[in-house]
Amino acid sequence: MRKKIRNAFLFCLVQTLFSTPLLFAQQDDLLKKLEAETPPAPPQKMIATFKGEKIINIETNETVKRKNLNFRVNHQFGNIGKESGGGYHNLYGLDQSNDIEIGFLYGFTDRLMAGISRTKRRENLVGEVKFRLLEQTTDNKIPLAITFFADMTYSMVDASLVENTGKYRVTYLDELILARKFSSRLSVVLTPVYIHRNVVFAGDQNDVFAISGGFRMKFTQSASFILDYSHAFRTQPAKPSPQFIDPLGVGVEVETGGHVFTMMFSNANGILENDHIINTLDEWSKGGVKFSFIISRIFKMGKK
């Protein structure tokens, strides 16, 4: 009996040793056949390159989603530093308001957004449009998100009464926004800018070209450091007239339960790029820094 059991065991062992490689080979052939017959998954679009339509002062590639309405309030306080008009008497700029923008942005599609707004500074009425030309893919076959942005402003203020900002009432701005999400932690944007003003002071330029750039870098799971900067290629007025300064913004962005809270500081004069890129006079080194924030609320306007 023991001999029969031993022979049966040896037979099973030999059978297993010789059949296992064949079994694995058959499985490999089957997997290869299935892989060959299964079409590759289409490349996915990169999402959430930035958390909003703006970093601090400049536009991002992000747009409002289809059939969504974004009600947005952008508030910029006064200068913090005493040398630039701030100090404890006005609670370091919090008692003042350099600019306020109230606007509505609507997503006609996931790629096309349009909006209207009004700003306190120069009482600008603004119309804008943003369209995603290309979207970055996760397989890097499309390595950049390319977005077109344009706006037009009309100032209700008598421009002859406004110092150092030209005599214009109408401005036009065009941008080509180049954005890339390098990882879940780092997103970068670079933007060539063209600005046209209808009327300017003698010696100034109607047409101004500029370059803007910025980034968002996460340093924890819920917090990010944000920065943006713009430089205008323009002629400076002859001294002793005030010299125009490049706007620089820095801030911290915190995600809290589906909402994003951002603390932003910038020397920019005004919220609109049509304004602050070419009209900023305040300097960081002289305390010409302003605290600002953005509040937005998304309303769904129907089924997708």
C-alpha atoms as a PDB file:
ATOM      1  CA  MET A   1       0.000   0.000   0.000  1.00  0.00           C
ATOM      2  CA  ARG A   2       2.811   2.349   0.919  1.00  0.00           C
ATOM      3  CA  LYS A   3       4.505   1.534  -2.380  1.00  0.00           C
ATOM      4  CA  LYS A   4       1.379   2.485  -4.338  1.00  0.00           C
ATOM      5  CA  ILE A   5       1.060   5.770  -2.469  1.00  0.00           C
ATOM      6  CA  ARG A   6       4.752   6.544  -3.065  1.00  0.00           C
ATOM      7  CA  ASN A   7       4.452   5.775  -6.805  1.00  0.00           C
ATOM      8  CA  ALA A   8       1.366   7.945  -7.103  1.00  0.00           C
ATOM      9  CA  PHE A   9       3.131  10.825  -5.337  1.00  0.00           C
ATOM     10  CA  LEU A  10       6.199  10.521  -7.580  1.00  0.00           C
ATOM     11  CA  PHE A  11       3.985  10.422 -10.658  1.00  0.00           C
ATOM     12  CA  CYS A  12       2.157  13.614  -9.606  1.00  0.00           C
ATOM     13  CA  LEU A  13       5.454  15.340  -8.810  1.00  0.00           C
ATOM     14  CA  VAL A  14       6.981  14.510 -12.195  1.00  0.00           C
ATOM     15  CA  GLN A  15       3.778  15.498 -13.964  1.00  0.00           C
ATOM     16  CA  THR A  16       3.754  18.877 -12.175  1.00  0.00           C
ATOM     17  CA  LEU A  17       7.421  19.605 -12.882  1.00  0.00           C
ATOM     18  CA  PHE A  18       7.060  18.956 -16.595  1.00  0.00           C
ATOM     19  CA  SER A  19       3.644  20.534 -17.076  1.00  0.00           C
ATOM     20  CA  THR A  20       4.247  23.806 -15.131  1.00  0.00           C
ATOM     21  CA  PRO A  21       6.624  25.432 -17.689  1.00  0.00           C
ATOM     22  CA  LEU A  22       4.209  24.500 -20.450  1.00  0.00           C
ATOM     23  CA  LEU A  23       1.324  25.981 -18.458  1.00  0.00           C
ATOM     24  CA  PHE A  24       3.181  29.255 -17.883  1.00  0.00           C
ATOM     25  CA  ALA A  25       4.157  29.411 -21.553  1.00  0.00           C
ATOM     26  CA  GLN A  26       0.524  28.966 -22.551  1.00  0.00           C
ATOM     27  CA  GLN A  27      -0.517  31.699 -20.136  1.00  0.00           C
ATOM     28  CA  ASP A  28       2.145  34.070 -21.550  1.00  0.00           C
ATOM     29  CA  ASP A  29       0.974  33.360 -25.098  1.00  0.00           C
ATOM     30  CA  LEU A  30      -2.627  34.031 -24.065  1.00  0.00           C
ATOM     31  CA  LEU A  31      -1.705  37.336 -22.373  1.00  0.00           C
ATOM     32  CA  LYS A  32       0.268  38.490 -25.406  1.00  0.00           C
ATOM     33  CA  LYS A  33      -2.660  37.625 -27.657  1.00  0.00           C
ATOM     34  CA  LEU A  34      -5.065  39.582 -25.440  1.00  0.00           C
ATOM     35  CA  GLU A  35      -2.717  42.580 -25.328  1.00  0.00           C
ATOM     36  CA  ALA A  36      -2.408  42.550 -29.114  1.00  0.00           C
ATOM     37  CA  GLU A  37      -6.184  42.433 -29.552  1.00  0.00           C
ATOM     38  CA  THR A  38      -6.920  45.110 -26.911  1.00  0.00           C
ATOM     39  CA  PRO A  39      -6.642  48.657 -28.355  1.00  0.00           C
ATOM     40  CA  PRO A  40      -4.450  51.052 -26.323  1.00  0.00           C
ATOM     41  CA  ALA A  41      -6.303  53.400 -23.993  1.00  0.00           C
ATOM     42  CA  PRO A  42      -6.703  56.912 -25.447  1.00  0.00           C
ATOM     43  CA  PRO A  43      -4.452  59.563 -23.866  1.00  0.00           C
ATOM     44  CA  GLN A  44      -6.055  61.384 -20.956  1.00  0.00           C
ATOM     45  CA  LYS A  45      -6.193  65.164 -20.655  1.00  0.00           C
ATOM     46  CA  MET A  46      -4.174  66.679 -17.835  1.00  0.00           C
ATOM     47  CA  ILE A  47      -6.567  68.192 -15.314  1.00  0.00           C
ATOM     48  CA  ALA A  48      -6.238  70.858 -12.607  1.00  0.00           C
ATOM     49  CA  THR A  49      -3.027  72.421 -13.867  1.00  0.00           C
ATOM     50  CA  PHE A  50      -4.002  75.366 -11.663  1.00  0.00           C
ATOM     51  CA  LYS A  51      -6.788  75.778  -9.120  1.00  0.00           C
ATOM     52  CA  GLY A  52      -8.412  78.809 -10.743  1.00  0.00           C
ATOM     53  CA  GLU A  53      -8.580  81.070 -13.768  1.00  0.00           C
ATOM     54  CA  LYS A  54      -5.870  83.332 -12.280  1.00  0.00           C
ATOM     55  CA  ILE A  55      -2.728  82.746 -10.220  1.00  0.00           C
ATOM     56  CA  ILE A  56      -2.473  86.176  -8.550  1.00  0.00           C
ATOM     57  CA  ASN A  57      -2.204  88.879 -11.220  1.00  0.00           C
ATOM     58  CA  ILE A  58      -2.097  86.817 -14.442  1.00  0.00           C
ATOM     59  CA  GLU A  59      -4.358  84.378 -16.222  1.00  0.00           C
ATOM     60  CA  THR A  60      -3.929  80.592 -16.229  1.00  0.00           C
ATOM     61  CA  ASN A  61      -5.086  78.038 -18.810  1.00  0.00           C
ATOM     62  CA  GLU A  62      -8.073  77.092 -16.642  1.00  0.00           C
ATOM     63  CA  THR A  63     -11.649  77.865 -17.742  1.00  0.00           C
ATOM     64  CA  VAL A  64     -15.081  77.559 -16.172  1.00  0.00           C
ATOM     65  CA  LYS A  65     -16.703  74.216 -16.992  1.00  0.00           C
ATOM     66  CA  ARG A  66     -19.622  73.889 -19.422  1.00  0.00           C
ATOM     67  CA  LYS A  67     -22.931  75.331 -18.211  1.00  0.00           C
ATOM     68  CA  ASN A  68     -21.311  76.664 -15.043  1.00  0.00           C
ATOM     69  CA  LEU A  69     -21.447  80.296 -13.947  1.00  0.00           C
ATOM     70  CA  ASN A  70     -18.647  81.646 -11.762  1.00  0.00           C
ATOM     71  CA  PHE A  71     -19.511  84.723  -9.690  1.00  0.00           C
ATOM     72  CA  ARG A  72     -16.137  86.198  -8.725  1.00  0.00           C
ATOM     73  CA  VAL A  73     -15.080  89.039  -6.431  1.00  0.00           C
ATOM     74  CA  ASN A  74     -11.425  90.076  -6.500  1.00  0.00           C
ATOM     75  CA  HIS A  75     -10.420  92.559  -3.788  1.00  0.00           C
ATOM     76  CA  GLN A  76      -7.088  94.396  -3.593  1.00  0.00           C
ATOM     77  CA  PHE A  77      -6.369  96.465  -0.473  1.00  0.00           C
ATOM     78  CA  GLY A  78      -4.036  99.453  -0.066  1.00  0.00           C
ATOM     79  CA  ASN A  79      -0.275  99.515   0.424  1.00  0.00           C
ATOM     80  CA  ILE A  80       1.095  97.980   3.604  1.00  0.00           C
ATOM     81  CA  GLY A  81       4.293 100.022   4.006  1.00  0.00           C
ATOM     82  CA  LYS A  82       4.343 103.480   5.569  1.00  0.00           C
ATOM     83  CA  GLU A  83       6.642 104.881   2.864  1.00  0.00           C
ATOM     84  CA  SER A  84       3.954 104.022   0.276  1.00  0.00           C
ATOM     85  CA  GLY A  85       0.981 105.371   2.209  1.00  0.00           C
ATOM     86  CA  GLY A  86       0.327 102.447   4.539  1.00  0.00           C
ATOM     87  CA  GLY A  87       1.053 101.969   8.224  1.00  0.00           C
ATOM     88  CA  TYR A  88      -0.935 101.437  11.409  1.00  0.00           C
ATOM     89  CA  HIS A  89      -3.201 104.473  10.824  1.00  0.00           C
ATOM     90  CA  ASN A  90      -4.963 102.656   7.965  1.00  0.00           C
ATOM     91  CA  LEU A  91      -4.359  99.183   9.426  1.00  0.00           C
ATOM     92  CA  TYR A  92      -1.528  98.534   6.963  1.00  0.00           C
ATOM     93  CA  GLY A  93      -3.714  99.059   3.925  1.00  0.00           C
ATOM     94  CA  LEU A  94      -6.767  97.125   5.131  1.00  0.00           C
ATOM     95  CA  ASP A  95      -8.770 100.344   5.595  1.00  0.00           C
ATOM     96  CA  GLN A  96      -8.151 101.190   1.936  1.00  0.00           C
ATOM     97  CA  SER A  97      -9.183  99.629  -1.333  1.00  0.00           C
ATOM     98  CA  ASN A  98      -6.871  99.999  -4.312  1.00  0.00           C
ATOM     99  CA  ASP A  99      -9.157  98.028  -6.629  1.00  0.00           C
ATOM    100  CA  ILE A 100     -12.208  95.725  -6.623  1.00  0.00           C
ATOM    101  CA  GLU A 101     -13.439  93.571  -9.486  1.00  0.00           C
ATOM    102  CA  ILE A 102     -16.917  92.020  -9.542  1.00  0.00           C
ATOM    103  CA  GLY A 103     -17.648  89.741 -12.468  1.00  0.00           C
ATOM    104  CA  PHE A 104     -19.423  86.761 -13.970  1.00  0.00           C
ATOM    105  CA  LEU A 105     -17.702  84.021 -16.002  1.00  0.00           C
ATOM    106  CA  TYR A 106     -19.724  81.461 -17.962  1.00  0.00           C
ATOM    107  CA  GLY A 107     -18.590  78.201 -19.547  1.00  0.00           C
ATOM    108  CA  PHE A 108     -20.239  77.701 -22.935  1.00  0.00           C
ATOM    109  CA  THR A 109     -18.215  74.501 -23.335  1.00  0.00           C
ATOM    110  CA  ASP A 110     -15.416  72.923 -21.294  1.00  0.00           C
ATOM    111  CA  ARG A 111     -13.011  74.794 -23.594  1.00  0.00           C
ATOM    112  CA  LEU A 112     -14.773  78.130 -24.164  1.00  0.00           C
ATOM    113  CA  MET A 113     -15.445  80.693 -21.435  1.00  0.00           C
ATOM    114  CA  ALA A 114     -16.663  84.293 -21.609  1.00  0.00           C
ATOM    115  CA  GLY A 115     -17.231  86.896 -18.945  1.00  0.00           C
ATOM    116  CA  ILE A 116     -18.142  90.439 -17.985  1.00  0.00           C
ATOM    117  CA  SER A 117     -16.967  92.477 -15.001  1.00  0.00           C
ATOM    118  CA  ARG A 118     -16.452  95.939 -13.572  1.00  0.00           C
ATOM    119  CA  THR A 119     -13.496  97.292 -11.627  1.00  0.00           C
ATOM    120  CA  LYS A 120     -13.341 100.123  -9.117  1.00  0.00           C
ATOM    121  CA  ARG A 121     -10.020 101.511 -10.381  1.00  0.00           C
ATOM    122  CA  ARG A 122     -10.722 103.674 -13.454  1.00  0.00           C
ATOM    123  CA  GLU A 123     -14.312 102.301 -13.355  1.00  0.00           C
ATOM    124  CA  ASN A 124     -13.520  99.829 -16.111  1.00  0.00           C
ATOM    125  CA  LEU A 125     -16.243  97.826 -17.840  1.00  0.00           C
ATOM    126  CA  VAL A 126     -14.670  94.581 -19.049  1.00  0.00           C
ATOM    127  CA  GLY A 127     -15.587  91.894 -21.551  1.00  0.00           C
ATOM    128  CA  GLU A 128     -13.383  88.810 -21.869  1.00  0.00           C
ATOM    129  CA  VAL A 129     -13.136  85.470 -23.635  1.00  0.00           C
ATOM    130  CA  LYS A 130     -10.868  82.459 -23.090  1.00  0.00           C
ATOM    131  CA  PHE A 131     -10.530  79.401 -25.341  1.00  0.00           C
ATOM    132  CA  ARG A 132      -8.449  76.253 -24.875  1.00  0.00           C
ATOM    133  CA  LEU A 133      -6.641  75.644 -28.171  1.00  0.00           C
ATOM    134  CA  LEU A 134      -4.671  72.586 -27.012  1.00  0.00           C
ATOM    135  CA  GLU A 135      -4.743  70.574 -23.806  1.00  0.00           C
ATOM    136  CA  GLN A 136      -1.790  68.740 -22.291  1.00  0.00           C
ATOM    137  CA  THR A 137      -2.085  64.943 -22.239  1.00  0.00           C
ATOM    138  CA  THR A 138      -0.814  62.528 -19.623  1.00  0.00           C
ATOM    139  CA  ASP A 139       1.291  60.637 -22.195  1.00  0.00           C
ATOM    140  CA  ASN A 140       3.086  63.926 -23.169  1.00  0.00           C
ATOM    141  CA  LYS A 141       2.150  63.596 -26.844  1.00  0.00           C
ATOM    142  CA  ILE A 142       0.773  67.100 -26.296  1.00  0.00           C
ATOM    143  CA  PRO A 143       3.297  68.497 -23.786  1.00  0.00           C
ATOM    144  CA  LEU A 144       1.703  71.937 -23.332  1.00  0.00           C
ATOM    145  CA  ALA A 145      -1.712  73.400 -22.730  1.00  0.00           C
ATOM    146  CA  ILE A 146      -2.161  76.377 -25.080  1.00  0.00           C
ATOM    147  CA  THR A 147      -4.985  78.811 -24.371  1.00  0.00           C
ATOM    148  CA  PHE A 148      -6.030  82.089 -25.998  1.00  0.00           C
ATOM    149  CA  PHE A 149      -7.309  84.929 -23.836  1.00  0.00           C
ATOM    150  CA  ALA A 150      -8.576  88.366 -24.871  1.00  0.00           C
ATOM    151  CA  ASP A 151     -10.401  91.214 -23.226  1.00  0.00           C
ATOM    152  CA  MET A 152     -11.594  94.746 -23.917  1.00  0.00           C
ATOM    153  CA  THR A 153     -12.032  97.484 -21.304  1.00  0.00           C
ATOM    154  CA  TYR A 154     -13.850 100.793 -21.357  1.00  0.00           C
ATOM    155  CA  SER A 155     -13.111 103.332 -18.609  1.00  0.00           C
ATOM    156  CA  MET A 156     -15.913 105.533 -17.305  1.00  0.00           C
ATOM    157  CA  VAL A 157     -13.393 107.960 -15.725  1.00  0.00           C
ATOM    158  CA  ASP A 158     -12.340 111.187 -17.410  1.00  0.00           C
ATOM    159  CA  ALA A 159      -8.833 110.013 -18.328  1.00  0.00           C
ATOM    160  CA  SER A 160      -7.401 113.534 -18.328  1.00  0.00           C
ATOM    161  CA  LEU A 161      -7.917 113.602 -14.549  1.00  0.00           C
ATOM    162  CA  VAL A 162      -5.913 110.410 -13.909  1.00  0.00           C
ATOM    163  CA  GLU A 163      -2.185 110.943 -13.412  1.00  0.00           C
ATOM    164  CA  ASN A 164       0.515 108.756 -14.948  1.00  0.00           C
ATOM    165  CA  THR A 165      -1.897 106.335 -16.622  1.00  0.00           C
ATOM    166  CA  GLY A 166      -2.374 107.836 -20.083  1.00  0.00           C
ATOM    167  CA  LYS A 167      -5.484 109.406 -21.584  1.00  0.00           C
ATOM    168  CA  TYR A 168      -7.028 106.198 -22.868  1.00  0.00           C
ATOM    169  CA  ARG A 169     -10.605 105.108 -22.311  1.00  0.00           C
ATOM    170  CA  VAL A 170     -10.402 101.859 -24.306  1.00  0.00           C
ATOM    171  CA  THR A 171      -7.815  99.076 -24.047  1.00  0.00           C
ATOM    172  CA  TYR A 172      -7.471  95.711 -25.760  1.00  0.00           C
ATOM    173  CA  LEU A 173      -5.419  92.775 -24.500  1.00  0.00           C
ATOM    174  CA  ASP A 174      -4.463  89.494 -26.218  1.00  0.00           C
ATOM    175  CA  GLU A 175      -2.564  86.619 -24.629  1.00  0.00           C
ATOM    176  CA  LEU A 176      -1.319  83.192 -25.638  1.00  0.00           C
ATOM    177  CA  ILE A 177      -1.113  81.194 -22.420  1.00  0.00           C
ATOM    178  CA  LEU A 178       1.418  78.342 -22.440  1.00  0.00           C
ATOM    179  CA  ALA A 179       1.008  76.078 -19.418  1.00  0.00           C
ATOM    180  CA  ARG A 180       2.505  72.767 -18.325  1.00  0.00           C
ATOM    181  CA  LYS A 181       1.856  70.536 -15.342  1.00  0.00           C
ATOM    182  CA  PHE A 182       5.204  68.873 -14.680  1.00  0.00           C
ATOM    183  CA  SER A 183       3.932  66.795 -11.762  1.00  0.00           C
ATOM    184  CA  SER A 184       1.197  66.739  -9.142  1.00  0.00           C
ATOM    185  CA  ARG A 185       3.257  69.343  -7.263  1.00  0.00           C
ATOM    186  CA  LEU A 186       4.518  71.758  -9.948  1.00  0.00           C
ATOM    187  CA  SER A 187       2.667  73.712 -12.644  1.00  0.00           C
ATOM    188  CA  VAL A 188       4.189  76.536 -14.716  1.00  0.00           C
ATOM    189  CA  VAL A 189       2.716  79.149 -17.093  1.00  0.00           C
ATOM    190  CA  LEU A 190       4.374  81.524 -19.583  1.00  0.00           C
ATOM    191  CA  THR A 191       2.346  84.166 -21.397  1.00  0.00           C
ATOM    192  CA  PRO A 192       3.259  86.551 -24.234  1.00  0.00           C
ATOM    193  CA  VAL A 193       1.014  89.636 -23.915  1.00  0.00           C
ATOM    194  CA  TYR A 194      -0.081  92.389 -26.314  1.00  0.00           C
ATOM    195  CA  ILE A 195      -1.847  95.519 -25.009  1.00  0.00           C
ATOM    196  CA  HIS A 196      -3.292  98.372 -27.090  1.00  0.00           C
ATOM    197  CA  ARG A 197      -4.474 101.705 -25.676  1.00  0.00           C
ATOM    198  CA  ASN A 198      -6.455 104.024 -27.915  1.00  0.00           C
ATOM    199  CA  VAL A 199      -4.919 107.338 -26.707  1.00  0.00           C
ATOM    200  CA  VAL A 200      -1.772 107.980 -24.658  1.00  0.00           C
ATOM    201  CA  PHE A 201       0.336 110.916 -23.486  1.00  0.00           C
ATOM    202  CA  ALA A 202       2.996 112.300 -25.818  1.00  0.00           C
ATOM    203  CA  GLY A 203       6.058 110.066 -25.815  1.00  0.00           C
ATOM    204  CA  ASP A 204       4.192 107.025 -24.549  1.00  0.00           C
ATOM    205  CA  GLN A 205       3.249 103.933 -26.597  1.00  0.00           C
ATOM    206  CA  ASN A 206      -0.177 102.873 -27.833  1.00  0.00           C
ATOM    207  CA  ASP A 207       1.019  99.312 -28.323  1.00  0.00           C
ATOM    208  CA  VAL A 208       2.920  97.480 -25.588  1.00  0.00           C
ATOM    209  CA  PHE A 209       4.287  93.950 -25.620  1.00  0.00           C
ATOM    210  CA  ALA A 210       4.947  92.123 -22.365  1.00  0.00           C
ATOM    211  CA  ILE A 211       5.844  88.716 -21.025  1.00  0.00           C
ATOM    212  CA  SER A 212       4.262  87.171 -17.936  1.00  0.00           C
ATOM    213  CA  GLY A 213       5.061  83.992 -16.057  1.00  0.00           C
ATOM    214  CA  GLY A 214       4.185  82.167 -12.888  1.00  0.00           C
ATOM    215  CA  PHE A 215       4.029  78.853 -11.109  1.00  0.00           C
ATOM    216  CA  ARG A 216       2.211  76.844  -8.458  1.00  0.00           C
ATOM    217  CA  MET A 217       4.255  74.510  -6.254  1.00  0.00           C
ATOM    218  CA  LYS A 218       2.671  72.267  -3.624  1.00  0.00           C
ATOM    219  CA  PHE A 219       4.697  71.890  -0.424  1.00  0.00           C
ATOM    220  CA  THR A 220       2.098  69.825   1.476  1.00  0.00           C
ATOM    221  CA  GLN A 221      -0.923  67.801   0.388  1.00  0.00           C
ATOM    222  CA  SER A 222      -3.206  70.821   0.859  1.00  0.00           C
ATOM    223  CA  ALA A 223      -0.964  73.919   0.580  1.00  0.00           C
ATOM    224  CA  SER A 224       0.865  75.497  -2.369  1.00  0.00           C
ATOM    225  CA  PHE A 225       3.194  78.418  -2.941  1.00  0.00           C
ATOM    226  CA  ILE A 226       2.176  80.625  -5.897  1.00  0.00           C
ATOM    227  CA  LEU A 227       4.059  83.368  -7.724  1.00  0.00           C
ATOM    228  CA  ASP A 228       3.643  85.444 -10.881  1.00  0.00           C
ATOM    229  CA  TYR A 229       5.559  88.260 -12.551  1.00  0.00           C
ATOM    230  CA  SER A 230       5.162  90.513 -15.604  1.00  0.00           C
ATOM    231  CA  HIS A 231       7.580  92.667 -17.592  1.00  0.00           C
ATOM    232  CA  ALA A 232       6.483  95.233 -20.188  1.00  0.00           C
ATOM    233  CA  PHE A 233       8.786  96.143 -23.074  1.00  0.00           C
ATOM    234  CA  ARG A 234       8.094  99.867 -23.111  1.00  0.00           C
ATOM    235  CA  THR A 235       9.859 103.215 -22.918  1.00  0.00           C
ATOM    236  CA  GLN A 236      10.056 104.783 -19.476  1.00  0.00           C
ATOM    237  CA  PRO A 237       9.030 108.440 -19.068  1.00  0.00           C
ATOM    238  CA  ALA A 238      11.845 110.932 -18.612  1.00  0.00           C
ATOM    239  CA  LYS A 239      12.857 111.523 -15.011  1.00  0.00           C
ATOM    240  CA  PRO A 240      11.846 113.028 -12.624  1.00  0.00           C
ATOM    241  CA  SER A 241       8.511 111.494 -13.727  1.00  0.00           C
ATOM    242  CA  PRO A 242       7.673 108.286 -11.815  1.00  0.00           C
ATOM    243  CA  GLN A 243       9.177 105.140 -13.313  1.00  0.00           C
ATOM    244  CA  PHE A 244       6.978 102.135 -14.045  1.00  0.00           C
ATOM    245  CA  ILE A 245       7.681  98.958 -12.043  1.00  0.00           C
ATOM    246  CA  ASP A 246       7.209  95.298 -12.952  1.00  0.00           C
ATOM    247  CA  PRO A 247       4.333  93.744 -10.966  1.00  0.00           C
ATOM    248  CA  LEU A 248       5.292  90.777  -8.800  1.00  0.00           C
ATOM    249  CA  GLY A 249       2.834  88.692  -6.787  1.00  0.00           C
ATOM    250  CA  VAL A 250       3.444  85.969  -4.203  1.00  0.00           C
ATOM    251  CA  GLY A 251       1.010  83.981  -2.124  1.00  0.00           C
ATOM    252  CA  VAL A 252      -0.013  80.794  -0.356  1.00  0.00           C
ATOM    253  CA  GLU A 253      -2.929  78.675  -1.544  1.00  0.00           C
ATOM    254  CA  VAL A 254      -4.672  76.320   0.904  1.00  0.00           C
ATOM    255  CA  GLU A 255      -7.295  73.708  -0.037  1.00  0.00           C
ATOM    256  CA  THR A 256      -9.899  73.271   2.681  1.00  0.00           C
ATOM    257  CA  GLY A 257     -12.674  70.755   2.102  1.00  0.00           C
ATOM    258  CA  GLY A 258     -13.263  71.470  -1.566  1.00  0.00           C
ATOM    259  CA  HIS A 259     -12.624  75.207  -1.296  1.00  0.00           C
ATOM    260  CA  VAL A 260      -9.398  77.082  -1.996  1.00  0.00           C
ATOM    261  CA  PHE A 261      -8.321  79.924   0.279  1.00  0.00           C
ATOM    262  CA  THR A 262      -5.514  82.119  -1.041  1.00  0.00           C
ATOM    263  CA  MET A 263      -3.496  84.834   0.708  1.00  0.00           C
ATOM    264  CA  MET A 264      -1.845  87.028  -1.954  1.00  0.00           C
ATOM    265  CA  PHE A 265       0.577  89.961  -1.802  1.00  0.00           C
ATOM    266  CA  SER A 266       1.544  92.106  -4.780  1.00  0.00           C
ATOM    267  CA  ASN A 267       2.842  95.535  -5.747  1.00  0.00           C
ATOM    268  CA  ALA A 268       0.493  95.624  -8.775  1.00  0.00           C
ATOM    269  CA  ASN A 269      -1.550  98.799  -9.251  1.00  0.00           C
ATOM    270  CA  GLY A 270      -4.906  97.394 -10.253  1.00  0.00           C
ATOM    271  CA  ILE A 271      -6.374  93.955 -10.838  1.00  0.00           C
ATOM    272  CA  LEU A 272      -6.633  93.977 -14.644  1.00  0.00           C
ATOM    273  CA  GLU A 273      -3.575  93.058 -16.677  1.00  0.00           C
ATOM    274  CA  ASN A 274      -4.495  95.870 -19.092  1.00  0.00           C
ATOM    275  CA  ASP A 275      -3.820  98.177 -16.147  1.00  0.00           C
ATOM    276  CA  HIS A 276      -1.150  96.814 -13.805  1.00  0.00           C
ATOM    277  CA  ILE A 277       1.289  95.522 -16.458  1.00  0.00           C
ATOM    278  CA  ILE A 278       1.775  99.051 -17.800  1.00  0.00           C
ATOM    279  CA  ASN A 279       0.763 101.306 -14.884  1.00  0.00           C
ATOM    280  CA  THR A 280       2.376  99.875 -11.733  1.00  0.00           C
ATOM    281  CA  LEU A 281       4.340 102.490  -9.777  1.00  0.00           C
ATOM    282  CA  ASP A 282       4.615 100.871  -6.336  1.00  0.00           C
ATOM    283  CA  GLU A 283       7.773  99.077  -5.255  1.00  0.00           C
ATOM    284  CA  TRP A 284       8.202  96.145  -2.894  1.00  0.00           C
ATOM    285  CA  SER A 285      11.341  97.750  -1.446  1.00  0.00           C
ATOM    286  CA  LYS A 286       9.320 100.822  -0.390  1.00  0.00           C
ATOM    287  CA  GLY A 287       6.420  98.914   1.144  1.00  0.00           C
ATOM    288  CA  GLY A 288       4.222  99.254  -1.934  1.00  0.00           C
ATOM    289  CA  VAL A 289       2.745  95.814  -1.316  1.00  0.00           C
ATOM    290  CA  LYS A 290      -0.977  95.089  -1.159  1.00  0.00           C
ATOM    291  CA  PHE A 291      -2.890  92.184   0.338  1.00  0.00           C
ATOM    292  CA  SER A 292      -5.604  90.759  -1.922  1.00  0.00           C
ATOM    293  CA  PHE A 293      -8.009  87.855  -2.144  1.00  0.00           C
ATOM    294  CA  ILE A 294     -10.455  86.241  -4.565  1.00  0.00           C
ATOM    295  CA  ILE A 295     -13.862  84.840  -3.627  1.00  0.00           C
ATOM    296  CA  SER A 296     -15.728  82.813  -6.231  1.00  0.00           C
ATOM    297  CA  ARG A 297     -18.932  80.826  -6.247  1.00  0.00           C
ATOM    298  CA  ILE A 298     -19.858  78.335  -8.975  1.00  0.00           C
ATOM    299  CA  PHE A 299     -23.515  77.968 -10.005  1.00  0.00           C
ATOM    300  CA  LYS A 300     -24.605  75.049 -12.198  1.00  0.00           C
ATOM    301  CA  MET A 301     -26.919  76.397 -14.907  1.00  0.00           C
ATOM    302  CA  GLY A 302     -28.293  73.097 -16.219  1.00  0.00           C
ATOM    303  CA  LYS A 303     -27.478  69.498 -17.020  1.00  0.00           C
ATOM    304  CA  LYS A 304     -24.371  68.825 -19.051  1.00  0.00           C
END
